[in-house]
Amino acid sequence: MTEPSFLSFAEQVYPFLELQPFHRTYYRVLEAFARGRVRRLIVTMPPQHGKSVGATTLLPAYVLGLDPDCRVAIASYSGLLASRFNRRVQRILESREYEALFPATTIKRGSKPAGYIRTADEAEIVGRRGSLLSVGREGSLTGNRVDCFVLDDLYKDALEANSPLVRANCWEWYTSVVRTRMHNASRELVVFTRWHEEDLIGQLAACEPVEELTRWEQLDAAPADGWLHLNFEALKASPPTELDPRAPGEALWEAQQGAALLARKRRLDPVQFEAMYQGHPSAREGLLYGAGLAEYDALPSAIVRRANYTDTADTGDDYLCSLSYAVDADGIVYITDAVYTREAMELTEPMVAEMLVRSATREALIESNNGGRGFARAVQRRAPGVRVEWFHQSGNKEARILSNSATVLHAVRFPRGWNLRWPELHAHLTTYRRQFRANRWHDAADVVTGIVEREIADRAGRRVRGVRFL
């Protein structure tokens, strides 16, 4: 009998599944793992998107169907949860649908056959060497060799993941228990929602090679001693790939958790959203600005300048960031309007021009590094009342952003409620990390840095720290 694909298997034993396109991708990757094409796999996805159904309920049953001699172990943050997964797998193993697909893989029913183990934590395959074992984090696996390990949600919640003690205990358990039960041909699947940049996945990435899984061909060329990592963002932010071809801003499962709902969740806590829903965690203590960006309720009466600073997108994946602002007599900068988007230039040119007019901007400074000169000319034609200048930014971006961060926190104010007006701008600034290379987008930080350089540094001679006017 021909062995079914993992997708076909899932649809037959769980006919109630509502599979979205990303589930089909997920199951195809899990099948590569089940068949041994991939030995070490990390999958991260948002809460309540079906990760555990695929990886910790259906996958162990499928692996045992393909190989009844395989010794499978499931681990989670508690023994109770791991046992629950074990029981779900056992119910699949004794179903009529499963028996029709994999008749050689059976477990004890009632008291028969005698001599075989079947408990909430362990089940042996009748007549074969295979077994299914479950264990909670920090539980013992003494004497048990494991061929296939599934580690699902090793942290109960944010409180645990943010505890250095819990993270250290989890790492010690992984290295001293999980790894010691494995052999040369063993497989590992780590699947959970990210909580912290130094969680198990973060610690693994710091010690071993981790390759982002973006192309199908990688499944047949997986690194022998490294990991493949498949990350599903709740709201698509990274460039489209073969495995995740969504357009930017598109929700992973619109019918279940749509873009509008996810945007509201992000506004509540951008740092937590980036970790849990986007798979990009960062410790709050490692943020450059964090919650320190000041807000204002109304502009002061003594405004001496109204200006704008714009950085056009470096690549198709980058953001155009254009901030209009007012400066008071004390040199405090008040952001009054913003365009922050990845739309094409033919759309952003009128958007920026309209903002300049709307915000009564008198002077606009546009970086010319990436097509900015043509952009500036187009904006000037659409907003003739604004003096538009373009310039070449030659200063080192990392040095500029990091060295001016304290000035940004001290001298820049955003309008109260800016998280609602410009949610992506708010998210990218409040989650921007001190470790420069850990950030995906630098556009917003680059622009607020440029503003304080222009307004607070010495502007004599029309030169500002690495800026050359053209």
Protein backbone atom coordinates (compact mmCIF):
# COMPACT_ATOMS: atom_id res chain seq x y z
CA MET A 1 0.00 0.00 0.00
CA THR A 2 1.29 3.45 -0.92
CA GLU A 3 2.02 5.62 2.08
CA PRO A 4 -0.13 8.77 2.20
CA SER A 5 1.33 12.24 2.22
CA PHE A 6 1.17 14.00 5.56
CA LEU A 7 -1.49 16.36 4.22
CA SER A 8 -3.64 13.46 3.00
CA PHE A 9 -3.12 11.65 6.30
CA ALA A 10 -4.19 14.72 8.28
CA GLU A 11 -7.33 15.20 6.20
CA GLN A 12 -8.34 11.54 6.67
CA VAL A 13 -7.81 11.21 10.42
CA TYR A 14 -8.96 14.79 11.18
CA PRO A 15 -11.61 15.51 8.50
CA PHE A 16 -12.78 18.58 10.45
CA LEU A 17 -9.56 20.52 9.79
CA GLU A 18 -9.92 23.94 8.16
CA LEU A 19 -6.64 24.11 6.28
CA GLN A 20 -5.40 27.42 4.96
CA PRO A 21 -2.61 27.81 2.37
CA PHE A 22 0.00 28.25 5.12
CA HIS A 23 -1.18 25.01 6.77
CA ARG A 24 -0.51 23.14 3.53
CA THR A 25 2.97 24.64 3.41
CA TYR A 26 3.49 23.78 7.07
CA TYR A 27 2.37 20.17 6.55
CA ARG A 28 4.61 19.77 3.51
CA VAL A 29 7.59 20.87 5.61
CA LEU A 30 6.55 18.55 8.45
CA GLU A 31 6.39 15.66 5.98
CA ALA A 32 10.00 16.33 4.95
CA PHE A 33 10.89 16.12 8.63
CA ALA A 34 8.85 12.94 9.16
CA ARG A 35 10.56 11.21 6.23
CA GLY A 36 14.03 12.20 7.42
CA ARG A 37 14.85 14.69 4.67
CA VAL A 38 15.21 17.32 7.40
CA ARG A 39 16.70 16.30 10.73
CA ARG A 40 16.62 19.53 12.68
CA LEU A 41 13.69 21.88 12.21
CA ILE A 42 12.43 25.00 13.99
CA VAL A 43 8.92 26.29 13.29
CA THR A 44 7.55 29.48 14.80
CA MET A 45 4.06 30.86 14.29
CA PRO A 46 1.50 32.98 16.14
CA PRO A 47 -0.79 31.61 18.87
CA GLN A 48 -3.94 29.75 17.82
CA HIS A 49 -2.84 29.06 14.26
CA GLY A 50 -2.70 25.27 14.49
CA LYS A 51 0.98 24.69 15.20
CA SER A 52 0.41 22.04 17.89
CA VAL A 53 -2.27 20.19 15.92
CA GLY A 54 0.20 19.71 13.11
CA ALA A 55 3.47 19.17 14.96
CA THR A 56 2.50 17.59 18.27
CA THR A 57 -0.72 15.70 17.56
CA LEU A 58 -0.74 14.61 13.92
CA LEU A 59 3.01 14.40 13.27
CA PRO A 60 3.93 11.81 15.97
CA ALA A 61 1.15 9.53 14.72
CA TYR A 62 2.37 9.93 11.14
CA VAL A 63 6.01 9.26 12.09
CA LEU A 64 4.99 6.04 13.89
CA GLY A 65 2.94 5.03 10.87
CA LEU A 66 5.91 5.45 8.56
CA ASP A 67 8.23 3.69 11.01
CA PRO A 68 6.67 1.60 13.82
CA ASP A 69 10.16 1.10 15.27
CA CYS A 70 10.68 4.82 15.84
CA ARG A 71 10.89 6.07 19.42
CA VAL A 72 9.07 9.40 19.57
CA ALA A 73 9.12 11.82 22.52
CA ILE A 74 6.94 14.86 23.07
CA ALA A 75 8.01 17.60 25.48
CA SER A 76 6.18 20.70 26.69
CA TYR A 77 6.38 23.16 29.57
CA SER A 78 4.44 20.82 31.87
CA GLY A 79 4.02 17.09 32.16
CA LEU A 80 0.25 17.57 32.19
CA LEU A 81 0.22 19.29 28.81
CA ALA A 82 2.65 16.76 27.34
CA SER A 83 0.39 13.94 28.56
CA ARG A 84 -2.57 15.62 26.92
CA PHE A 85 -0.72 15.64 23.60
CA ASN A 86 0.18 11.98 24.15
CA ARG A 87 -3.44 10.99 24.70
CA ARG A 88 -4.51 12.82 21.53
CA VAL A 89 -1.91 10.92 19.53
CA GLN A 90 -3.06 7.65 21.08
CA ARG A 91 -6.66 8.34 20.06
CA ILE A 92 -5.48 8.75 16.48
CA LEU A 93 -3.45 5.52 16.66
CA GLU A 94 -6.51 3.48 17.68
CA SER A 95 -8.90 5.06 15.16
CA ARG A 96 -10.34 3.11 12.23
CA GLU A 97 -9.03 5.72 9.81
CA TYR A 98 -5.48 5.27 11.09
CA GLU A 99 -5.72 1.47 11.01
CA ALA A 100 -6.73 1.64 7.36
CA LEU A 101 -3.69 3.76 6.53
CA PHE A 102 -1.06 2.16 8.81
CA PRO A 103 -2.20 -1.34 9.86
CA ALA A 104 1.28 -2.29 11.13
CA THR A 105 1.22 0.39 13.84
CA THR A 106 -1.02 -0.55 16.77
CA ILE A 107 -1.03 0.08 20.51
CA LYS A 108 -2.46 -1.84 23.45
CA ARG A 109 -6.25 -1.73 23.87
CA GLY A 110 -7.60 -2.48 27.29
CA SER A 111 -5.50 -5.26 28.79
CA LYS A 112 -4.48 -6.78 25.47
CA PRO A 113 -1.97 -7.67 24.42
CA ALA A 114 -0.42 -8.25 27.80
CA GLY A 115 3.15 -7.12 28.45
CA TYR A 116 2.88 -3.79 26.59
CA ILE A 117 2.83 -0.36 28.22
CA ARG A 118 0.03 2.11 27.61
CA THR A 119 -0.35 5.02 30.01
CA ALA A 120 -1.03 8.73 29.63
CA ASP A 121 2.72 9.29 29.32
CA GLU A 122 3.88 6.26 27.35
CA ALA A 123 2.59 3.86 24.73
CA GLU A 124 4.49 1.03 23.04
CA ILE A 125 3.87 -0.15 19.49
CA VAL A 126 2.70 -3.77 19.55
CA GLY A 127 5.21 -6.17 18.03
CA ARG A 128 7.70 -3.43 17.20
CA ARG A 129 10.40 -1.40 18.94
CA GLY A 130 8.63 1.93 18.59
CA SER A 131 7.04 3.95 21.36
CA LEU A 132 5.47 7.28 22.22
CA LEU A 133 6.73 9.08 25.32
CA SER A 134 5.74 12.43 26.82
CA VAL A 135 7.64 14.53 29.35
CA GLY A 136 7.35 17.95 30.90
CA ARG A 137 10.18 20.48 30.90
CA GLU A 138 12.78 19.46 33.47
CA GLY A 139 11.32 15.92 33.56
CA SER A 140 13.49 12.81 33.41
CA LEU A 141 14.18 10.62 30.38
CA THR A 142 16.60 8.24 32.08
CA GLY A 143 17.21 5.11 30.05
CA ASN A 144 15.12 6.23 27.08
CA ARG A 145 16.74 6.58 23.69
CA VAL A 146 14.85 9.00 21.42
CA ASP A 147 14.80 8.84 17.63
CA CYS A 148 12.42 11.75 17.08
CA PHE A 149 11.92 14.58 19.56
CA VAL A 150 9.10 17.15 19.34
CA LEU A 151 9.49 20.13 21.69
CA ASP A 152 6.35 22.26 21.77
CA ASP A 153 5.93 25.43 23.87
CA LEU A 154 8.61 24.99 26.51
CA TYR A 155 7.47 28.21 28.24
CA LYS A 156 4.01 28.55 29.71
CA ASP A 157 3.69 32.30 29.22
CA ALA A 158 5.55 35.59 29.06
CA LEU A 159 6.22 35.52 32.80
CA GLU A 160 8.19 32.29 32.44
CA ALA A 161 9.95 33.30 29.23
CA ASN A 162 11.03 36.60 30.75
CA SER A 163 12.50 34.91 33.80
CA PRO A 164 16.28 34.44 33.46
CA LEU A 165 16.07 31.58 35.96
CA VAL A 166 13.40 29.70 33.99
CA ARG A 167 15.28 30.23 30.72
CA ALA A 168 18.51 28.99 32.31
CA ASN A 169 16.76 25.91 33.75
CA CYS A 170 15.16 25.17 30.39
CA TRP A 171 18.52 25.39 28.61
CA GLU A 172 20.19 23.17 31.19
CA TRP A 173 17.40 20.59 30.87
CA TYR A 174 17.69 20.67 27.08
CA THR A 175 21.46 20.17 27.06
CA SER A 176 21.63 17.65 29.90
CA VAL A 177 18.47 15.63 29.20
CA VAL A 178 17.16 16.09 25.65
CA ARG A 179 20.51 16.08 23.87
CA THR A 180 21.85 13.15 25.92
CA ARG A 181 18.94 10.94 24.82
CA MET A 182 19.67 11.49 21.12
CA HIS A 183 22.01 9.73 18.67
CA ASN A 184 23.51 10.43 15.25
CA ALA A 185 20.31 9.81 13.30
CA SER A 186 17.91 11.43 15.76
CA ARG A 187 15.58 14.18 14.61
CA GLU A 188 14.53 17.31 16.50
CA LEU A 189 11.55 19.56 15.94
CA VAL A 190 11.26 22.74 18.00
CA VAL A 191 7.90 24.43 17.53
CA PHE A 192 6.54 27.27 19.60
CA THR A 193 5.50 30.87 19.80
CA ARG A 194 8.43 33.18 20.53
CA TRP A 195 8.44 35.09 23.80
CA HIS A 196 11.97 36.31 24.35
CA GLU A 197 15.13 36.70 22.26
CA GLU A 198 17.04 34.44 24.68
CA ASP A 199 14.50 31.62 24.73
CA LEU A 200 15.53 28.13 23.62
CA ILE A 201 15.41 29.07 19.94
CA GLY A 202 17.50 32.17 20.56
CA GLN A 203 20.06 30.19 22.52
CA LEU A 204 20.24 27.51 19.84
CA ALA A 205 20.78 30.19 17.18
CA ALA A 206 23.64 31.60 19.24
CA CYS A 207 25.39 28.21 19.33
CA GLU A 208 24.52 26.46 16.06
CA PRO A 209 23.84 27.45 12.43
CA VAL A 210 20.21 28.34 11.74
CA GLU A 211 19.12 28.82 8.13
CA GLU A 212 15.85 30.56 7.29
CA LEU A 213 13.62 28.27 5.22
CA THR A 214 12.34 30.25 2.24
CA ARG A 215 12.73 27.88 -0.76
CA TRP A 216 11.50 24.35 -1.29
CA GLU A 217 14.87 23.19 -2.56
CA GLN A 218 16.31 23.74 0.93
CA LEU A 219 14.41 20.68 2.17
CA ASP A 220 16.73 18.50 0.11
CA ALA A 221 19.89 20.34 1.09
CA ALA A 222 19.38 20.84 4.81
CA PRO A 223 22.56 21.49 6.81
CA ALA A 224 23.80 18.35 8.55
CA ASP A 225 24.73 20.07 11.78
CA GLY A 226 22.44 23.08 11.58
CA TRP A 227 18.77 23.94 11.65
CA LEU A 228 16.15 25.00 9.14
CA HIS A 229 13.82 27.66 10.52
CA LEU A 230 10.33 28.27 9.14
CA ASN A 231 8.72 31.42 10.56
CA PHE A 232 5.14 32.41 9.80
CA GLU A 233 4.49 36.08 10.59
CA ALA A 234 0.92 36.94 11.61
CA LEU A 235 1.13 40.06 9.45
CA LYS A 236 3.44 39.63 6.49
CA ALA A 237 6.41 41.95 6.91
CA SER A 238 9.34 40.13 5.30
CA PRO A 239 9.69 39.81 1.51
CA PRO A 240 7.49 37.20 -0.23
CA THR A 241 9.07 33.75 -0.60
CA GLU A 242 8.19 30.44 -2.22
CA LEU A 243 6.89 29.16 1.10
CA ASP A 244 5.11 32.34 2.10
CA PRO A 245 4.17 34.40 -0.98
CA ARG A 246 1.83 36.78 0.87
CA ALA A 247 1.93 40.47 0.11
CA PRO A 248 3.16 42.87 2.83
CA GLY A 249 0.52 43.49 5.48
CA GLU A 250 -1.53 40.39 4.62
CA ALA A 251 -2.72 38.32 7.58
CA LEU A 252 -1.65 34.71 7.88
CA TRP A 253 -5.21 33.53 8.61
CA GLU A 254 -7.59 36.36 7.80
CA ALA A 255 -10.76 34.45 8.71
CA GLN A 256 -9.39 33.50 12.14
CA GLN A 257 -7.23 36.51 13.09
CA GLY A 258 -7.59 39.22 10.50
CA ALA A 259 -5.33 42.17 9.77
CA ALA A 260 -7.58 44.60 11.64
CA LEU A 261 -7.58 42.47 14.80
CA LEU A 262 -3.83 41.97 14.60
CA ALA A 263 -3.27 45.70 14.18
CA ARG A 264 -5.23 46.31 17.39
CA LYS A 265 -3.12 43.71 19.20
CA ARG A 266 0.07 45.35 17.97
CA ARG A 267 -1.04 48.74 19.28
CA LEU A 268 -1.48 47.28 22.78
CA ASP A 269 2.15 46.16 23.05
CA PRO A 270 4.41 46.36 19.96
CA VAL A 271 7.30 44.57 21.68
CA GLN A 272 5.21 41.58 22.68
CA PHE A 273 3.47 41.53 19.30
CA GLU A 274 6.78 41.38 17.44
CA ALA A 275 7.77 38.38 19.54
CA MET A 276 4.55 36.38 19.76
CA TYR A 277 2.93 37.19 16.43
CA GLN A 278 5.86 38.03 14.17
CA GLY A 279 8.54 35.72 15.54
CA HIS A 280 10.99 38.59 16.11
CA PRO A 281 11.52 38.84 19.88
CA SER A 282 13.57 41.49 21.63
CA ALA A 283 14.19 41.99 25.32
CA ARG A 284 12.76 45.28 26.54
CA GLU A 285 16.02 46.10 28.24
CA GLY A 286 17.74 45.80 24.85
CA LEU A 287 15.58 48.40 23.10
CA LEU A 288 17.08 51.67 21.92
CA TYR A 289 14.01 53.86 22.45
CA GLY A 290 11.39 51.51 23.89
CA ALA A 291 8.61 53.31 25.74
CA GLY A 292 10.83 56.36 26.28
CA LEU A 293 9.64 58.33 23.25
CA ALA A 294 7.83 61.40 24.60
CA GLU A 295 4.34 62.54 23.53
CA TYR A 296 2.55 65.89 23.45
CA ASP A 297 -1.10 66.93 23.57
CA ALA A 298 -0.90 70.28 21.78
CA LEU A 299 1.75 72.31 19.98
CA PRO A 300 3.22 75.22 21.92
CA SER A 301 2.37 78.69 20.70
CA ALA A 302 5.98 79.66 19.99
CA ILE A 303 6.79 77.62 16.86
CA VAL A 304 9.81 78.94 14.97
CA ARG A 305 10.12 76.40 12.14
CA ARG A 306 8.03 73.88 10.22
CA ALA A 307 10.09 71.40 8.24
CA ASN A 308 10.24 67.85 6.93
CA TYR A 309 12.82 65.09 6.63
CA THR A 310 12.36 62.22 4.14
CA ASP A 311 14.29 59.03 3.52
CA THR A 312 13.21 57.19 0.38
CA ALA A 313 13.20 53.39 0.40
CA ASP A 314 16.56 51.68 -0.16
CA THR A 315 14.97 48.57 -1.69
CA GLY A 316 11.49 47.33 -2.50
CA ASP A 317 11.28 45.84 0.97
CA ASP A 318 12.24 49.05 2.80
CA TYR A 319 9.94 51.83 3.97
CA LEU A 320 9.77 55.36 2.77
CA CYS A 321 9.77 57.43 5.94
CA SER A 322 8.76 61.09 5.74
CA LEU A 323 8.19 63.07 8.94
CA SER A 324 6.89 66.64 9.09
CA TYR A 325 7.63 68.51 12.28
CA ALA A 326 7.56 71.81 14.13
CA VAL A 327 10.36 73.28 16.26
CA ASP A 328 9.75 75.57 19.23
CA ALA A 329 11.94 78.32 20.61
CA ASP A 330 13.69 75.86 22.94
CA GLY A 331 14.65 73.55 20.08
CA ILE A 332 12.15 70.81 20.96
CA VAL A 333 10.95 68.93 17.88
CA TYR A 334 7.26 68.05 17.56
CA ILE A 335 6.35 65.46 14.92
CA THR A 336 3.12 66.66 13.30
CA ASP A 337 2.53 64.30 10.37
CA ALA A 338 4.01 61.18 8.80
CA VAL A 339 4.08 59.00 5.71
CA TYR A 340 5.51 55.56 6.46
CA THR A 341 4.90 53.05 3.72
CA ARG A 342 6.35 50.53 1.30
CA GLU A 343 4.23 51.73 -1.61
CA ALA A 344 5.89 52.51 -4.94
CA MET A 345 7.28 56.00 -5.65
CA GLU A 346 4.46 56.88 -8.05
CA LEU A 347 2.14 56.60 -5.04
CA THR A 348 4.39 58.04 -2.34
CA GLU A 349 5.29 61.20 -4.31
CA PRO A 350 1.73 62.63 -4.11
CA MET A 351 1.32 61.30 -0.56
CA VAL A 352 4.39 63.19 0.67
CA ALA A 353 3.54 66.33 -1.32
CA GLU A 354 0.02 66.41 0.11
CA MET A 355 1.42 65.97 3.63
CA LEU A 356 3.85 68.86 3.16
CA VAL A 357 1.01 71.16 2.15
CA ARG A 358 -1.32 69.84 4.86
CA SER A 359 1.27 70.34 7.61
CA ALA A 360 2.24 73.85 6.43
CA THR A 361 5.83 72.71 5.91
CA ARG A 362 8.20 75.41 4.67
CA GLU A 363 11.38 73.36 4.08
CA ALA A 364 11.74 69.69 3.13
CA LEU A 365 15.01 67.76 3.19
CA ILE A 366 15.12 64.55 1.12
CA GLU A 367 17.96 62.04 1.09
CA SER A 368 19.17 61.52 -2.48
CA ASN A 369 21.02 58.25 -1.85
CA ASN A 370 18.39 55.96 -3.41
CA GLY A 371 16.58 57.78 -6.17
CA GLY A 372 15.83 60.63 -3.79
CA ARG A 373 16.84 63.34 -6.26
CA GLY A 374 14.12 62.38 -8.74
CA PHE A 375 11.67 61.94 -5.89
CA ALA A 376 12.51 65.41 -4.57
CA ARG A 377 11.94 67.01 -7.97
CA ALA A 378 8.57 65.28 -8.31
CA VAL A 379 7.53 66.42 -4.82
CA GLN A 380 8.67 69.99 -5.59
CA ARG A 381 6.43 70.08 -8.68
CA ARG A 382 3.45 68.93 -6.62
CA ALA A 383 4.16 71.28 -3.69
CA PRO A 384 5.60 74.46 -5.26
CA GLY A 385 5.16 76.46 -2.07
CA VAL A 386 7.64 74.27 -0.19
CA ARG A 387 11.41 74.66 -0.53
CA VAL A 388 12.60 71.12 -1.30
CA GLU A 389 16.28 70.23 -1.03
CA TRP A 390 18.01 66.91 -1.61
CA PHE A 391 21.27 65.81 -0.08
CA HIS A 392 23.65 62.88 0.08
CA GLN A 393 23.98 61.18 3.47
CA SER A 394 27.56 59.92 3.84
CA GLY A 395 27.56 59.33 7.60
CA ASN A 396 27.64 55.79 8.96
CA LYS A 397 24.04 54.84 9.70
CA GLU A 398 24.77 52.65 12.71
CA ALA A 399 27.02 55.22 14.36
CA ARG A 400 24.55 58.04 13.67
CA ILE A 401 21.52 56.22 15.06
CA LEU A 402 23.21 54.91 18.18
CA SER A 403 25.08 58.09 19.08
CA ASN A 404 21.99 60.29 18.68
CA SER A 405 19.49 58.04 20.47
CA ALA A 406 19.67 59.96 23.76
CA THR A 407 19.04 63.23 21.91
CA VAL A 408 16.01 61.72 20.18
CA LEU A 409 14.55 60.68 23.54
CA HIS A 410 15.24 64.12 25.01
CA ALA A 411 14.28 66.44 22.16
CA VAL A 412 11.64 64.72 19.99
CA ARG A 413 7.91 64.58 20.80
CA PHE A 414 5.20 62.56 19.03
CA PRO A 415 1.48 63.45 19.12
CA ARG A 416 -0.47 61.54 21.73
CA GLY A 417 -2.18 58.59 20.08
CA TRP A 418 0.46 58.29 17.35
CA ASN A 419 0.34 54.52 17.86
CA LEU A 420 -3.17 54.67 16.37
CA ARG A 421 -2.37 57.10 13.57
CA TRP A 422 0.85 55.44 12.41
CA PRO A 423 0.93 51.91 13.91
CA GLU A 424 3.84 50.61 11.83
CA LEU A 425 5.97 53.67 12.52
CA HIS A 426 5.20 53.33 16.23
CA ALA A 427 5.98 49.60 16.23
CA HIS A 428 9.28 49.95 14.38
CA LEU A 429 10.56 52.75 16.61
CA THR A 430 9.45 51.31 19.95
CA THR A 431 10.88 47.87 19.11
CA TYR A 432 14.14 49.14 17.59
CA ARG A 433 17.06 47.35 19.24
CA ARG A 434 20.42 48.57 20.47
CA GLN A 435 22.09 45.69 18.65
CA PHE A 436 22.02 47.39 15.26
CA ARG A 437 22.23 44.27 13.11
CA ALA A 438 19.32 42.67 14.94
CA ASN A 439 16.93 45.20 13.36
CA ARG A 440 15.22 44.51 10.07
CA TRP A 441 14.25 48.12 9.30
CA HIS A 442 16.30 51.21 10.05
CA ASP A 443 14.18 53.72 8.12
CA ALA A 444 12.24 55.28 11.00
CA ALA A 445 15.26 55.45 13.31
CA ASP A 446 17.33 56.97 10.49
CA VAL A 447 14.81 59.76 9.95
CA VAL A 448 14.37 60.79 13.60
CA THR A 449 18.17 60.74 13.82
CA GLY A 450 18.41 62.96 10.75
CA ILE A 451 15.92 65.39 12.25
CA VAL A 452 17.87 65.88 15.49
CA GLU A 453 21.12 66.17 13.54
CA ARG A 454 19.61 68.89 11.43
CA GLU A 455 17.81 70.80 14.15
CA ILE A 456 20.08 70.38 17.16
CA ALA A 457 23.57 70.06 15.65
CA ASP A 458 25.37 73.15 14.42
CA ARG A 459 23.80 74.08 11.06
CA ALA A 460 26.40 76.68 10.21
CA GLY A 461 27.60 76.42 6.62
CA ARG A 462 24.62 74.25 5.72
CA ARG A 463 26.45 71.06 6.79
CA VAL A 464 25.19 68.60 9.34
CA ARG A 465 27.37 65.62 10.38
CA GLY A 466 28.07 63.73 7.20
CA VAL A 467 25.41 65.53 5.14
CA ARG A 468 26.43 67.04 1.82
CA PHE A 469 23.82 69.29 0.17
CA LEU A 470 23.51 69.10 -3.58
